[in-house]
Amino acid sequence: MVETQRRCDFSLSIKGDTRLIELLYKSLAAETDDYPADRSRVEMNANLDEGCLQLDITSGNIVSLRANINTWLRLIKVVDDISKIF
């Protein structure tokens, strides 16, 4: 039996203060540029007028997707925590 690889997708929208959305985007955009494309694809867009950040992750399997979600949620939390200091 041959198992076909399924594509797994995850989308996250964060709405909030324009300052935080801009900080998240600027802090995390560099991470999407160097992301290993052979395992996953990550796209991020910010709409500052609406105060919204959209993060889309596509992975080849559920294990990779879960690891990616955990990584990006941790990165978002770090930026949010640091923004509260300043």
Protein backbone atom coordinates (compact mmCIF):
# COMPACT_ATOMS: atom_id res chain seq x y z
CA MET A 1 0.00 0.00 0.00
CA VAL A 2 1.39 3.37 -1.04
CA GLU A 3 0.51 6.29 1.18
CA THR A 4 0.14 9.62 -0.57
CA GLN A 5 1.55 12.67 1.10
CA ARG A 6 -1.08 15.14 2.22
CA ARG A 7 -0.55 18.83 2.43
CA CYS A 8 -1.42 20.33 5.80
CA ASP A 9 -2.39 23.98 6.14
CA PHE A 10 -2.74 26.34 9.09
CA SER A 11 -3.83 29.98 9.13
CA LEU A 12 -3.64 32.40 12.02
CA SER A 13 -5.04 35.93 12.09
CA ILE A 14 -4.00 38.27 14.87
CA LYS A 15 -5.92 41.50 15.34
CA GLY A 16 -4.71 44.17 17.67
CA ASP A 17 -3.01 47.47 18.19
CA THR A 18 -1.35 48.75 15.01
CA ARG A 19 1.92 49.26 16.89
CA LEU A 20 2.01 45.61 18.00
CA ILE A 21 1.03 44.29 14.57
CA GLU A 22 3.78 46.35 12.93
CA LEU A 23 6.31 45.18 15.53
CA LEU A 24 5.30 41.54 15.02
CA TYR A 25 5.58 41.87 11.26
CA LYS A 26 8.96 43.60 11.31
CA SER A 27 10.35 41.19 13.89
CA LEU A 28 9.16 38.00 12.22
CA ALA A 29 9.42 38.84 8.50
CA ALA A 30 13.11 37.95 8.42
CA GLU A 31 12.27 34.47 9.71
CA THR A 32 10.06 33.75 6.69
CA ASP A 33 12.84 34.68 4.24
CA ASP A 34 15.26 32.00 5.45
CA TYR A 35 12.71 29.28 6.13
CA PRO A 36 13.62 25.84 4.70
CA ALA A 37 11.23 25.55 1.74
CA ASP A 38 11.75 21.80 1.33
CA ARG A 39 9.78 21.09 4.52
CA SER A 40 7.29 23.90 4.89
CA ARG A 41 6.19 27.19 3.45
CA VAL A 42 5.40 30.18 5.62
CA GLU A 43 3.78 33.38 4.39
CA MET A 44 3.03 36.42 6.49
CA ASN A 45 1.09 39.56 5.61
CA ALA A 46 0.21 42.60 7.68
CA ASN A 47 -2.62 45.04 7.14
CA LEU A 48 -1.77 47.98 9.37
CA ASP A 49 -4.94 49.89 8.44
CA GLU A 50 -7.03 47.09 9.96
CA GLY A 51 -4.49 46.10 12.62
CA CYS A 52 -4.27 42.53 11.36
CA LEU A 53 -1.43 40.06 10.87
CA GLN A 54 -2.04 36.91 8.80
CA LEU A 55 0.27 33.90 9.12
CA ASP A 56 -0.15 30.95 6.75
CA ILE A 57 1.83 27.72 7.17
CA THR A 58 1.82 24.83 4.71
CA SER A 59 3.63 21.59 5.54
CA GLY A 60 4.00 18.21 3.91
CA ASN A 61 2.75 16.32 6.97
CA ILE A 62 0.98 16.87 10.27
CA VAL A 63 4.12 16.37 12.39
CA SER A 64 5.96 19.12 10.53
CA LEU A 65 2.90 21.37 10.72
CA ARG A 66 2.63 20.94 14.49
CA ALA A 67 6.33 21.75 14.94
CA ASN A 68 5.95 24.85 12.78
CA ILE A 69 2.87 26.05 14.65
CA ASN A 70 4.67 25.66 17.98
CA THR A 71 7.72 27.55 16.68
CA TRP A 72 5.72 30.47 15.31
CA LEU A 73 3.50 30.75 18.38
CA ARG A 74 6.62 30.89 20.57
CA LEU A 75 8.15 33.59 18.37
CA ILE A 76 4.94 35.62 18.50
CA LYS A 77 4.82 35.30 22.29
CA VAL A 78 8.44 36.46 22.63
CA VAL A 79 7.76 39.57 20.54
CA ASP A 80 4.57 40.28 22.51
CA ASP A 81 6.36 39.85 25.86
CA ILE A 82 9.21 42.14 24.79
CA SER A 83 6.76 44.77 23.52
CA LYS A 84 5.27 45.00 27.02
CA ILE A 85 8.66 45.91 28.49
CA PHE A 86 9.06 49.00 26.32
